[in-house]
PDB file of N, CA and C in Angstrom:
ATOM      1  N   MET A   1      40.172  89.479-143.768  1.00  0.00           N
ATOM      2  CA  MET A   1      39.991  89.675-145.111  1.00  0.00           C
ATOM      3  C   MET A   1      40.578  91.130-146.018  1.00  0.00           C
ATOM      4  N   ASN A   2      41.620  91.076-146.600  1.00  0.00           N
ATOM      5  CA  ASN A   2      41.868  92.291-147.538  1.00  0.00           C
ATOM      6  C   ASN A   2      41.196  92.695-148.562  1.00  0.00           C
ATOM      7  N   HIS A   3      41.423  93.867-149.038  1.00  0.00           N
ATOM      8  CA  HIS A   3      40.473  94.763-150.234  1.00  0.00           C
ATOM      9  C   HIS A   3      40.628  94.374-150.804  1.00  0.00           C
ATOM     10  N   GLU A   4      41.881  93.135-151.548  1.00  0.00           N
ATOM     11  CA  GLU A   4      41.355  92.285-153.004  1.00  0.00           C
ATOM     12  C   GLU A   4      40.659  91.161-152.923  1.00  0.00           C
ATOM     13  N   GLU A   5      41.418  90.234-151.460  1.00  0.00           N
ATOM     14  CA  GLU A   5      39.851  89.290-151.176  1.00  0.00           C
ATOM     15  C   GLU A   5      38.343  89.776-150.933  1.00  0.00           C
ATOM     16  N   LYS A   6      38.557  90.643-151.023  1.00  0.00           N
ATOM     17  CA  LYS A   6      36.861  91.382-150.942  1.00  0.00           C
ATOM     18  C   LYS A   6      36.402  91.369-152.043  1.00  0.00           C
ATOM     19  N   MET A   7      37.179  92.091-152.869  1.00  0.00           N
ATOM     20  CA  MET A   7      36.664  92.582-153.982  1.00  0.00           C
ATOM     21  C   MET A   7      36.244  91.216-155.082  1.00  0.00           C
ATOM     22  N   ILE A   8      37.135  90.297-154.770  1.00  0.00           N
ATOM     23  CA  ILE A   8      37.449  88.941-155.487  1.00  0.00           C
ATOM     24  C   ILE A   8      36.268  88.077-154.966  1.00  0.00           C
ATOM     25  N   SER A   9      35.732  88.405-153.572  1.00  0.00           N
ATOM     26  CA  SER A   9      34.473  87.551-153.042  1.00  0.00           C
ATOM     27  C   SER A   9      33.134  88.592-153.888  1.00  0.00           C
ATOM     28  N   MET A  10      33.182  89.601-153.892  1.00  0.00           N
ATOM     29  CA  MET A  10      32.169  90.718-154.062  1.00  0.00           C
ATOM     30  C   MET A  10      31.489  89.857-155.862  1.00  0.00           C
ATOM     31  N   LEU A  11      32.527  90.040-156.903  1.00  0.00           N
ATOM     32  CA  LEU A  11      32.922  89.787-158.395  1.00  0.00           C
ATOM     33  C   LEU A  11      31.863  88.168-158.187  1.00  0.00           C
ATOM     34  N   GLU A  12      33.010  87.340-157.289  1.00  0.00           N
ATOM     35  CA  GLU A  12      32.306  86.054-157.936  1.00  0.00           C
ATOM     36  C   GLU A  12      30.713  85.798-156.716  1.00  0.00           C
ATOM     37  N   GLU A  13      30.354  86.732-155.971  1.00  0.00           N
ATOM     38  CA  GLU A  13      28.664  86.828-156.003  1.00  0.00           C
ATOM     39  C   GLU A  13      28.363  87.052-157.023  1.00  0.00           C
ATOM     40  N   ILE A  14      28.422  88.325-158.089  1.00  0.00           N
ATOM     41  CA  ILE A  14      27.558  88.933-158.833  1.00  0.00           C
ATOM     42  C   ILE A  14      28.039  88.178-159.872  1.00  0.00           C
ATOM     43  N   ASN A  15      28.532  86.906-160.382  1.00  0.00           N
ATOM     44  CA  ASN A  15      28.837  85.823-160.941  1.00  0.00           C
ATOM     45  C   ASN A  15      28.178  85.091-160.846  1.00  0.00           C
ATOM     46  N   GLN A  16      27.649  84.809-159.742  1.00  0.00           N
ATOM     47  CA  GLN A  16      26.744  83.840-159.600  1.00  0.00           C
ATOM     48  C   GLN A  16      25.622  84.128-159.957  1.00  0.00           C
ATOM     49  N   ARG A  17      25.263  85.632-159.549  1.00  0.00           N
ATOM     50  CA  ARG A  17      23.765  86.675-159.653  1.00  0.00           C
ATOM     51  C   ARG A  17      23.172  86.486-161.350  1.00  0.00           C
ATOM     52  N   LEU A  18      24.436  86.934-161.819  1.00  0.00           N
ATOM     53  CA  LEU A  18      24.318  87.014-162.767  1.00  0.00           C
ATOM     54  C   LEU A  18      24.288  85.479-163.901  1.00  0.00           C
ATOM     55  N   VAL A  19      24.691  84.250-163.514  1.00  0.00           N
ATOM     56  CA  VAL A  19      24.289  82.807-163.670  1.00  0.00           C
ATOM     57  C   VAL A  19      22.879  82.515-163.577  1.00  0.00           C
ATOM     58  N   SER A  20      22.411  83.062-162.181  1.00  0.00           N
ATOM     59  CA  SER A  20      21.245  82.684-162.176  1.00  0.00           C
ATOM     60  C   SER A  20      19.961  83.707-162.687  1.00  0.00           C
ATOM     61  N   VAL A  21      19.912  84.727-163.379  1.00  0.00           N
ATOM     62  CA  VAL A  21      19.536  85.567-164.120  1.00  0.00           C
ATOM     63  C   VAL A  21      19.868  84.768-165.451  1.00  0.00           C
ATOM     64  N   GLU A  22      20.477  84.450-165.748  1.00  0.00           N
ATOM     65  CA  GLU A  22      20.620  83.682-166.678  1.00  0.00           C
ATOM     66  C   GLU A  22      19.415  82.554-166.988  1.00  0.00           C
ATOM     67  N   VAL A  23      20.252  81.804-166.389  1.00  0.00           N
ATOM     68  CA  VAL A  23      19.214  80.478-166.193  1.00  0.00           C
ATOM     69  C   VAL A  23      17.766  80.610-166.124  1.00  0.00           C
ATOM     70  N   ALA A  24      17.406  81.323-164.924  1.00  0.00           N
ATOM     71  CA  ALA A  24      15.774  81.997-165.299  1.00  0.00           C
ATOM     72  C   ALA A  24      15.500  82.492-166.728  1.00  0.00           C
ATOM     73  N   GLN A  25      16.280  83.518-167.428  1.00  0.00           N
ATOM     74  CA  GLN A  25      15.926  83.779-168.468  1.00  0.00           C
ATOM     75  C   GLN A  25      15.707  82.639-169.511  1.00  0.00           C
ATOM     76  N   GLU A  26      16.780  82.159-170.022  1.00  0.00           N
ATOM     77  CA  GLU A  26      16.736  80.498-170.299  1.00  0.00           C
ATOM     78  C   GLU A  26      15.538  80.090-170.138  1.00  0.00           C
ATOM     79  N   ASN A  27      15.489  79.697-169.012  1.00  0.00           N
ATOM     80  CA  ASN A  27      14.501  78.248-168.607  1.00  0.00           C
ATOM     81  C   ASN A  27      13.130  79.385-168.240  1.00  0.00           C
ATOM     82  N   ILE A  28      13.113  80.472-168.217  1.00  0.00           N
ATOM     83  CA  ILE A  28      11.383  80.467-168.469  1.00  0.00           C
ATOM     84  C   ILE A  28      11.176  81.555-168.948  1.00  0.00           C
ATOM     85  N   LEU A  29      11.979  82.993-169.176  1.00  0.00           N
ATOM     86  CA  LEU A  29      11.599  83.775-170.042  1.00  0.00           C
ATOM     87  C   LEU A  29      11.600  83.455-171.608  1.00  0.00           C
ATOM     88  N   ILE A  30      12.167  82.757-172.211  1.00  0.00           N
ATOM     89  CA  ILE A  30      12.366  83.105-173.642  1.00  0.00           C
ATOM     90  C   ILE A  30      11.073  81.715-173.317  1.00  0.00           C
ATOM     91  N   PRO A  31      10.975  80.872-172.967  1.00  0.00           N
ATOM     92  CA  PRO A  31       9.795  79.917-173.498  1.00  0.00           C
ATOM     93  C   PRO A  31       8.609  80.683-173.179  1.00  0.00           C
ATOM     94  N   GLN A  32       8.160  81.965-172.776  1.00  0.00           N
ATOM     95  CA  GLN A  32       7.173  82.040-172.509  1.00  0.00           C
ATOM     96  C   GLN A  32       6.995  83.566-173.534  1.00  0.00           C
ATOM     97  N   ILE A  33       7.931  83.666-173.685  1.00  0.00           N
ATOM     98  CA  ILE A  33       8.785  84.841-175.505  1.00  0.00           C
ATOM     99  C   ILE A  33       7.444  84.010-176.406  1.00  0.00           C
ATOM    100  N   GLN A  34       8.814  82.796-176.423  1.00  0.00           N
ATOM    101  CA  GLN A  34       8.270  82.558-177.651  1.00  0.00           C
ATOM    102  C   GLN A  34       6.544  81.452-177.530  1.00  0.00           C
ATOM    103  N   ALA A  35       5.958  81.464-176.336  1.00  0.00           N
ATOM    104  CA  ALA A  35       4.780  81.104-176.333  1.00  0.00           C
ATOM    105  C   ALA A  35       4.161  81.924-176.399  1.00  0.00           C
ATOM    106  N   LEU A  36       4.738  83.237-176.809  1.00  0.00           N
ATOM    107  CA  LEU A  36       3.375  84.450-176.517  1.00  0.00           C
ATOM    108  C   LEU A  36       3.634  85.184-178.393  1.00  0.00           C
ATOM    109  N   ALA A  37       4.831  84.376-178.609  1.00  0.00           N
ATOM    110  CA  ALA A  37       4.866  84.572-179.960  1.00  0.00           C
ATOM    111  C   ALA A  37       4.386  83.808-180.891  1.00  0.00           C
ATOM    112  N   GLU A  38       4.263  82.417-181.021  1.00  0.00           N
ATOM    113  CA  GLU A  38       3.419  81.533-181.442  1.00  0.00           C
ATOM    114  C   GLU A  38       1.971  81.476-180.999  1.00  0.00           C
ATOM    115  N   GLY A  39       1.497  82.172-180.257  1.00  0.00           N
ATOM    116  CA  GLY A  39       0.243  82.376-180.295  1.00  0.00           C
ATOM    117  C   GLY A  39      -0.808  84.005-181.383  1.00  0.00           C
ATOM    118  N   GLN A  40       0.213  84.372-180.823  1.00  0.00           N
ATOM    119  CA  GLN A  40       0.641  85.946-181.801  1.00  0.00           C
ATOM    120  C   GLN A  40       0.329  85.362-183.110  1.00  0.00           C
ATOM    121  N   LYS A  41       0.891  84.394-183.659  1.00  0.00           N
ATOM    122  CA  LYS A  41       1.177  84.068-185.494  1.00  0.00           C
ATOM    123  C   LYS A  41      -0.252  83.065-185.794  1.00  0.00           C
ATOM    124  N   THR A  42      -0.828  82.602-184.534  1.00  0.00           N
ATOM    125  CA  THR A  42      -1.690  82.282-184.568  1.00  0.00           C
ATOM    126  C   THR A  42      -2.904  83.170-184.875  1.00  0.00           C
ATOM    127  N   ILE A  43      -3.376  84.202-183.575  1.00  0.00           N
ATOM    128  CA  ILE A  43      -4.697  84.841-184.512  1.00  0.00           C
ATOM    129  C   ILE A  43      -4.109  85.300-186.136  1.00  0.00           C
ATOM    130  N   LEU A  44      -3.224  85.775-185.856  1.00  0.00           N
ATOM    131  CA  LEU A  44      -3.027  86.475-187.230  1.00  0.00           C
ATOM    132  C   LEU A  44      -3.886  85.644-188.521  1.00  0.00           C
ATOM    133  N   ASP A  45      -2.655  84.345-188.133  1.00  0.00           N
ATOM    134  CA  ASP A  45      -3.255  83.384-189.755  1.00  0.00           C
ATOM    135  C   ASP A  45      -4.544  82.687-189.418  1.00  0.00           C
ATOM    136  N   THR A  46      -5.255  83.230-188.933  1.00  0.00           N
ATOM    137  CA  THR A  46      -6.809  82.807-188.700  1.00  0.00           C
ATOM    138  C   THR A  46      -7.732  84.228-188.622  1.00  0.00           C
ATOM    139  N   LEU A  47      -7.208  85.689-188.445  1.00  0.00           N
ATOM    140  CA  LEU A  47      -7.668  86.649-188.812  1.00  0.00           C
ATOM    141  C   LEU A  47      -7.991  86.715-190.269  1.00  0.00           C
ATOM    142  N   ALA A  48      -8.874  86.676-191.486  1.00  0.00           N
ATOM    143  CA  ALA A  48      -9.017  87.396-192.335  1.00  0.00           C
ATOM    144  C   ALA A  48      -8.749  88.592-192.854  1.00  0.00           C
ATOM    145  N   PRO A  49      -7.931  88.334-193.871  1.00  0.00           N
ATOM    146  CA  PRO A  49      -6.834  89.985-194.369  1.00  0.00           C
ATOM    147  C   PRO A  49      -8.322  91.185-194.583  1.00  0.00           C
ATOM    148  N   LYS A  50      -7.561  92.581-194.331  1.00  0.00           N
ATOM    149  CA  LYS A  50      -7.853  93.651-194.113  1.00  0.00           C
ATOM    150  C   LYS A  50      -8.174  93.725-195.706  1.00  0.00           C
ATOM    151  N   SER A  51      -8.198  93.873-196.577  1.00  0.00           N
ATOM    152  CA  SER A  51      -8.918  93.294-197.498  1.00  0.00           C
ATOM    153  C   SER A  51     -10.308  92.737-198.596  1.00  0.00           C
ATOM    154  N   LYS A  52     -10.018  91.600-197.344  1.00  0.00           N
ATOM    155  CA  LYS A  52     -11.531  91.101-197.388  1.00  0.00           C
ATOM    156  C   LYS A  52     -12.300  91.625-196.598  1.00  0.00           C
ATOM    157  N   VAL A  53     -12.025  91.792-195.445  1.00  0.00           N
ATOM    158  CA  VAL A  53     -13.157  92.341-194.901  1.00  0.00           C
ATOM    159  C   VAL A  53     -13.642  93.699-195.485  1.00  0.00           C
ATOM    160  N   GLU A  54     -12.577  94.556-196.231  1.00  0.00           N
ATOM    161  CA  GLU A  54     -13.512  95.245-196.344  1.00  0.00           C
ATOM    162  C   GLU A  54     -14.421  94.856-197.803  1.00  0.00           C
ATOM    163  N   ALA A  55     -14.091  94.479-198.353  1.00  0.00           N
ATOM    164  CA  ALA A  55     -15.094  93.992-199.584  1.00  0.00           C
ATOM    165  C   ALA A  55     -15.767  93.752-198.989  1.00  0.00           C
ATOM    166  N   LEU A  56     -16.446  92.908-198.191  1.00  0.00           N
ATOM    167  CA  LEU A  56     -17.388  91.928-197.454  1.00  0.00           C
ATOM    168  C   LEU A  56     -18.562  93.371-196.711  1.00  0.00           C
ATOM    169  N   GLU A  57     -17.602  94.590-196.255  1.00  0.00           N
ATOM    170  CA  GLU A  57     -18.200  95.793-195.787  1.00  0.00           C
ATOM    171  C   GLU A  57     -19.329  96.368-197.018  1.00  0.00           C
ATOM    172  N   GLU A  58     -18.272  96.629-197.879  1.00  0.00           N
ATOM    173  CA  GLU A  58     -19.197  97.188-199.510  1.00  0.00           C
ATOM    174  C   GLU A  58     -19.673  96.453-199.606  1.00  0.00           C
ATOM    175  N   GLU A  59     -19.736  95.184-199.956  1.00  0.00           N
ATOM    176  CA  GLU A  59     -20.838  94.159-200.031  1.00  0.00           C
ATOM    177  C   GLU A  59     -22.149  94.286-199.232  1.00  0.00           C
ATOM    178  N   VAL A  60     -21.907  94.240-198.298  1.00  0.00           N
ATOM    179  CA  VAL A  60     -22.978  94.277-196.882  1.00  0.00           C
ATOM    180  C   VAL A  60     -23.661  95.811-197.328  1.00  0.00           C
ATOM    181  N   GLU A  61     -22.985  96.504-197.624  1.00  0.00           N
ATOM    182  CA  GLU A  61     -23.964  98.294-197.635  1.00  0.00           C
ATOM    183  C   GLU A  61     -24.345  98.119-199.034  1.00  0.00           C
ATOM    184  N   LEU A  62     -24.310  97.650-200.153  1.00  0.00           N
ATOM    185  CA  LEU A  62     -25.115  97.249-200.983  1.00  0.00           C
ATOM    186  C   LEU A  62     -26.351  97.014-201.195  1.00  0.00           C
ATOM    187  N   LEU A  63     -25.924  95.479-200.522  1.00  0.00           N
ATOM    188  CA  LEU A  63     -26.913  95.028-200.345  1.00  0.00           C
ATOM    189  C   LEU A  63     -28.556  95.605-199.140  1.00  0.00           C
ATOM    190  N   LYS A  64     -27.676  96.173-198.084  1.00  0.00           N
ATOM    191  CA  LYS A  64     -28.735  97.251-197.467  1.00  0.00           C
ATOM    192  C   LYS A  64     -29.171  98.123-198.140  1.00  0.00           C
ATOM    193  N   SER A  65     -28.949  98.683-199.440  1.00  0.00           N
ATOM    194  CA  SER A  65     -29.499  99.353-199.825  1.00  0.00           C
ATOM    195  C   SER A  65     -30.187  99.490-201.044  1.00  0.00           C
ATOM    196  N   ILE A  66     -30.090  97.852-201.936  1.00  0.00           N
ATOM    197  CA  ILE A  66     -31.081  96.924-202.265  1.00  0.00           C
ATOM    198  C   ILE A  66     -32.097  96.902-201.465  1.00  0.00           C
ATOM    199  N   ILE A  67     -31.753  96.222-200.043  1.00  0.00           N
ATOM    200  CA  ILE A  67     -33.312  95.886-199.411  1.00  0.00           C
ATOM    201  C   ILE A  67     -34.402  96.717-199.192  1.00  0.00           C
ATOM    202  N   LYS A  68     -33.531  98.077-198.619  1.00  0.00           N
ATOM    203  CA  LYS A  68     -34.533  99.303-198.822  1.00  0.00           C
ATOM    204  C   LYS A  68     -35.174  99.823-200.209  1.00  0.00           C
ATOM    205  N   MET A  69     -34.661  99.528-200.929  1.00  0.00           N
ATOM    206  CA  MET A  69     -35.470  99.569-201.808  1.00  0.00           C
ATOM    207  C   MET A  69     -36.481  98.726-202.699  1.00  0.00           C
ATOM    208  N   HIS A  70     -36.508  97.510-202.089  1.00  0.00           N
ATOM    209  CA  HIS A  70     -37.066  97.052-202.505  1.00  0.00           C
ATOM    210  C   HIS A  70     -37.888  96.622-201.389  1.00  0.00           C
ATOM    211  N   THR A  71     -37.868  97.645-200.014  1.00  0.00           N
ATOM    212  CA  THR A  71     -38.802  97.425-198.872  1.00  0.00           C
ATOM    213  C   THR A  71     -40.073  98.475-199.824  1.00  0.00           C
ATOM    214  N   ASN A  72     -38.963  99.657-200.270  1.00  0.00           N
ATOM    215  CA  ASN A  72     -39.986 101.007-200.835  1.00  0.00           C
ATOM    216  C   ASN A  72     -40.854 100.453-201.743  1.00  0.00           C
ATOM    217  N   GLN A  73     -40.523  99.862-202.773  1.00  0.00           N
ATOM    218  CA  GLN A  73     -41.108  99.470-203.967  1.00  0.00           C
ATOM    219  C   GLN A  73     -42.189  98.440-203.955  1.00  0.00           C
ATOM    220  N   ILE A  74     -42.093  97.752-202.601  1.00  0.00           N
ATOM    221  CA  ILE A  74     -43.531  96.413-202.274  1.00  0.00           C
ATOM    222  C   ILE A  74     -44.603  97.444-201.019  1.00  0.00           C
ATOM    223  N   ASN A  75     -43.629  98.712-199.948  1.00  0.00           N
ATOM    224  CA  ASN A  75     -44.661  99.453-199.663  1.00  0.00           C
ATOM    225  C   ASN A  75     -45.678 100.446-201.111  1.00  0.00           C
ATOM    226  N   ASP A  76     -45.113 101.070-201.779  1.00  0.00           N
ATOM    227  CA  ASP A  76     -45.241 101.363-203.410  1.00  0.00           C
ATOM    228  C   ASP A  76     -46.392 100.280-203.471  1.00  0.00           C
ATOM    229  N   LEU A  77     -46.241  99.124-203.665  1.00  0.00           N
ATOM    230  CA  LEU A  77     -47.052  98.217-204.520  1.00  0.00           C
ATOM    231  C   LEU A  77     -48.267  98.121-203.599  1.00  0.00           C
ATOM    232  N   LYS A  78     -48.592  97.991-202.254  1.00  0.00           N
ATOM    233  CA  LYS A  78     -48.915  97.884-201.568  1.00  0.00           C
ATOM    234  C   LYS A  78     -50.278  98.566-201.246  1.00  0.00           C
ATOM    235  N   LYS A  79     -49.999 100.218-201.208  1.00  0.00           N
ATOM    236  CA  LYS A  79     -50.639 101.504-201.040  1.00  0.00           C
ATOM    237  C   LYS A  79     -50.970 101.702-202.451  1.00  0.00           C
ATOM    238  N   ALA A  80     -50.866 100.778-203.610  1.00  0.00           N
ATOM    239  CA  ALA A  80     -51.698 101.034-205.208  1.00  0.00           C
ATOM    240  C   ALA A  80     -52.356 100.263-205.147  1.00  0.00           C
ATOM    241  N   GLN A  81     -52.578  98.989-204.526  1.00  0.00           N
ATOM    242  CA  GLN A  81     -54.074  98.097-204.335  1.00  0.00           C
ATOM    243  C   GLN A  81     -55.105  98.620-203.877  1.00  0.00           C
TER     244      GLN A  81
END
């Protein structure tokens, strides 16, 4: 086998390996990446928007302060009896 034939043989082998990688990428990697993207989209769709979470946090803090104030008022009324 001369030098040119060896080069052609090596190129054919490289081409076969490239085709194998392309097939694996198309049949294995791309579907897995698509599944990951779909899962991420589902998670993002189900999460509450940040603004809503922040508004609820503010409301909870307000309610906590009102409860604390009412608890103090009740305790003061109990002491006054």
